[in-house]
Amino acid sequence: MKTVYITRRETFNAAHKLWREEWSDEKNWGVFGKCSNHNWHGHNFQLYITVKGVPNQETGFVINLKLLSELVREHIIEALDHKNLNLDVPFLKGIMASTENMAIAIWDILDPLVRAHGGEMAKIKLIETENNFVEYYGGKEPF
């Protein structure tokens, strides 16, 4: 049996602010820089979901990409797209809306859904800007 990795890309736009209420304006600026703007800032995010598994003998699929897209759109994109990540997203409530924390939260939602359809999550890649992205492997070492 040969393991295959398959990836689906989705996009969303969202605003957030990296800010700790208990810190002074100066400390927030020192740690978070422009990301601590009082009036928020936004990104055009790209989300890559990589699923691994052995292709099904009947379909040749690790997971049906149409189904994966539907799961991601229903459970992730609908919650994030054109939203304020700090205020509007229940699964980020009480969590610093960093790209790192978002990747972990997305994994935690998708992992059981993907497993229910015979796949296994391998990686989340969340691109915030052309220069900044996060890769998360579910708490496991990638190699």
Protein backbone atom coordinates (compact mmCIF):
# COMPACT_ATOMS: atom_id res chain seq x y z
CA MET A 1 0.00 0.00 0.00
CA LYS A 2 1.39 3.39 -1.00
CA THR A 3 0.54 6.54 0.93
CA VAL A 4 -0.39 9.58 -1.14
CA TYR A 5 -0.64 13.21 0.00
CA ILE A 6 -3.33 15.35 -1.62
CA THR A 7 -3.89 19.06 -1.04
CA ARG A 8 -6.87 21.37 -1.46
CA ARG A 9 -6.51 25.18 -1.52
CA GLU A 10 -9.20 27.55 -0.28
CA THR A 11 -9.09 31.32 0.24
CA PHE A 12 -10.71 33.80 2.58
CA ASN A 13 -10.39 37.44 3.58
CA ALA A 14 -10.46 38.50 7.20
CA ALA A 15 -9.39 41.23 9.60
CA HIS A 16 -7.75 40.90 12.98
CA LYS A 17 -5.65 42.66 15.55
CA LEU A 18 -2.86 41.21 17.64
CA TRP A 19 -3.35 42.88 20.97
CA ARG A 20 -3.27 42.09 24.66
CA GLU A 21 -5.60 44.24 26.76
CA GLU A 22 -3.43 43.89 29.86
CA TRP A 23 -0.43 45.38 28.03
CA SER A 24 0.25 49.05 27.41
CA ASP A 25 0.00 50.53 23.91
CA GLU A 26 3.78 50.73 23.87
CA LYS A 27 4.27 47.07 24.76
CA ASN A 28 1.67 45.94 22.21
CA TRP A 29 3.41 48.03 19.54
CA GLY A 30 6.80 46.69 20.60
CA VAL A 31 5.69 43.06 20.33
CA PHE A 32 3.11 43.15 17.53
CA GLY A 33 4.07 46.27 15.54
CA LYS A 34 1.57 47.26 12.83
CA CYS A 35 -0.47 44.18 13.64
CA SER A 36 -1.61 45.93 16.83
CA ASN A 37 -3.33 48.73 14.89
CA HIS A 38 -6.34 49.92 16.93
CA ASN A 39 -8.49 49.88 13.81
CA TRP A 40 -7.58 46.32 12.79
CA HIS A 41 -5.90 45.18 9.59
CA GLY A 42 -6.76 42.53 7.03
CA HIS A 43 -5.29 39.76 4.93
CA ASN A 44 -6.19 37.70 1.90
CA PHE A 45 -5.47 34.29 3.40
CA GLN A 46 -4.72 31.12 1.50
CA LEU A 47 -5.43 27.85 3.25
CA TYR A 48 -3.94 24.54 2.09
CA ILE A 49 -5.31 21.34 3.59
CA THR A 50 -3.18 18.25 2.97
CA VAL A 51 -4.71 14.84 3.56
CA LYS A 52 -2.80 11.58 3.41
CA GLY A 53 -3.85 8.02 2.86
CA VAL A 54 -3.90 5.06 0.56
CA PRO A 55 -6.06 5.61 -2.54
CA ASN A 56 -9.37 3.76 -2.45
CA GLN A 57 -9.27 0.82 -4.86
CA GLU A 58 -12.66 1.70 -6.38
CA THR A 59 -12.32 5.49 -6.73
CA GLY A 60 -8.57 6.02 -6.75
CA PHE A 61 -9.13 8.82 -4.20
CA VAL A 62 -7.50 9.36 -0.82
CA ILE A 63 -10.49 11.63 -0.20
CA ASN A 64 -12.93 13.11 -2.65
CA LEU A 65 -11.66 16.68 -3.15
CA LYS A 66 -15.19 17.94 -3.80
CA LEU A 67 -16.22 16.59 -0.40
CA LEU A 68 -13.09 18.04 1.25
CA SER A 69 -13.86 21.43 -0.28
CA GLU A 70 -17.44 21.25 1.00
CA LEU A 71 -16.25 20.36 4.53
CA VAL A 72 -13.70 23.19 4.55
CA ARG A 73 -16.16 25.73 3.18
CA GLU A 74 -18.95 24.76 5.60
CA HIS A 75 -16.88 24.47 8.76
CA ILE A 76 -13.99 26.89 8.18
CA ILE A 77 -14.43 29.38 5.34
CA GLU A 78 -18.00 30.33 6.24
CA ALA A 79 -16.83 31.11 9.78
CA LEU A 80 -13.77 33.15 8.70
CA ASP A 81 -14.47 34.86 5.38
CA HIS A 82 -15.02 38.62 5.61
CA LYS A 83 -15.07 38.43 9.38
CA ASN A 84 -13.21 40.07 12.24
CA LEU A 85 -11.26 37.13 13.63
CA ASN A 86 -11.11 38.65 17.10
CA LEU A 87 -14.83 39.35 17.38
CA ASP A 88 -16.84 37.22 14.96
CA VAL A 89 -15.38 33.70 14.99
CA PRO A 90 -16.63 31.41 17.78
CA PHE A 91 -13.76 28.90 17.46
CA LEU A 92 -11.23 31.70 18.02
CA LYS A 93 -13.03 33.17 21.04
CA GLY A 94 -10.53 33.88 23.81
CA ILE A 95 -7.54 32.94 21.63
CA MET A 96 -4.98 35.37 20.19
CA ALA A 97 -5.93 35.51 16.50
CA SER A 98 -2.41 34.78 15.26
CA THR A 99 -1.89 32.72 12.13
CA GLU A 100 -0.31 30.03 14.30
CA ASN A 101 -3.36 29.73 16.54
CA MET A 102 -5.69 29.83 13.54
CA ALA A 103 -3.87 26.89 11.92
CA ILE A 104 -4.20 24.83 15.11
CA ALA A 105 -7.91 25.67 15.47
CA ILE A 106 -8.59 24.80 11.82
CA TRP A 107 -6.81 21.46 12.26
CA ASP A 108 -8.82 20.66 15.38
CA ILE A 109 -12.07 21.21 13.47
CA LEU A 110 -11.11 19.40 10.27
CA ASP A 111 -9.27 16.40 11.72
CA PRO A 112 -12.34 14.46 12.92
CA LEU A 113 -14.29 15.38 9.77
CA VAL A 114 -11.54 14.13 7.47
CA ARG A 115 -11.11 10.94 9.54
CA ALA A 116 -14.87 10.30 9.29
CA HIS A 117 -14.42 10.18 5.51
CA GLY A 118 -11.43 7.82 5.49
CA GLY A 119 -8.60 10.35 5.27
CA GLU A 120 -5.94 11.47 7.67
CA MET A 121 -4.88 15.08 8.10
CA ALA A 122 -1.21 15.57 7.23
CA LYS A 123 -0.71 19.34 7.18
CA ILE A 124 -2.38 22.72 7.33
CA LYS A 125 -0.59 25.55 5.56
CA LEU A 126 -2.04 28.99 6.18
CA ILE A 127 -0.56 31.86 4.18
CA GLU A 128 -1.14 35.28 5.69
CA THR A 129 1.06 37.35 3.34
CA GLU A 130 3.41 36.58 0.49
CA ASN A 131 6.20 36.51 3.07
CA ASN A 132 4.50 34.90 6.09
CA PHE A 133 2.88 31.51 6.46
CA VAL A 134 2.41 28.76 9.03
CA GLU A 135 2.57 25.01 8.58
CA TYR A 136 1.01 22.77 11.21
CA TYR A 137 1.24 18.98 11.32
CA GLY A 138 -1.16 18.26 14.16
CA GLY A 139 1.50 18.45 16.82
CA LYS A 140 3.61 15.78 15.10
CA GLU A 141 7.03 16.29 13.57
CA PRO A 142 6.69 16.59 9.79
CA PHE A 143 9.61 14.31 8.96
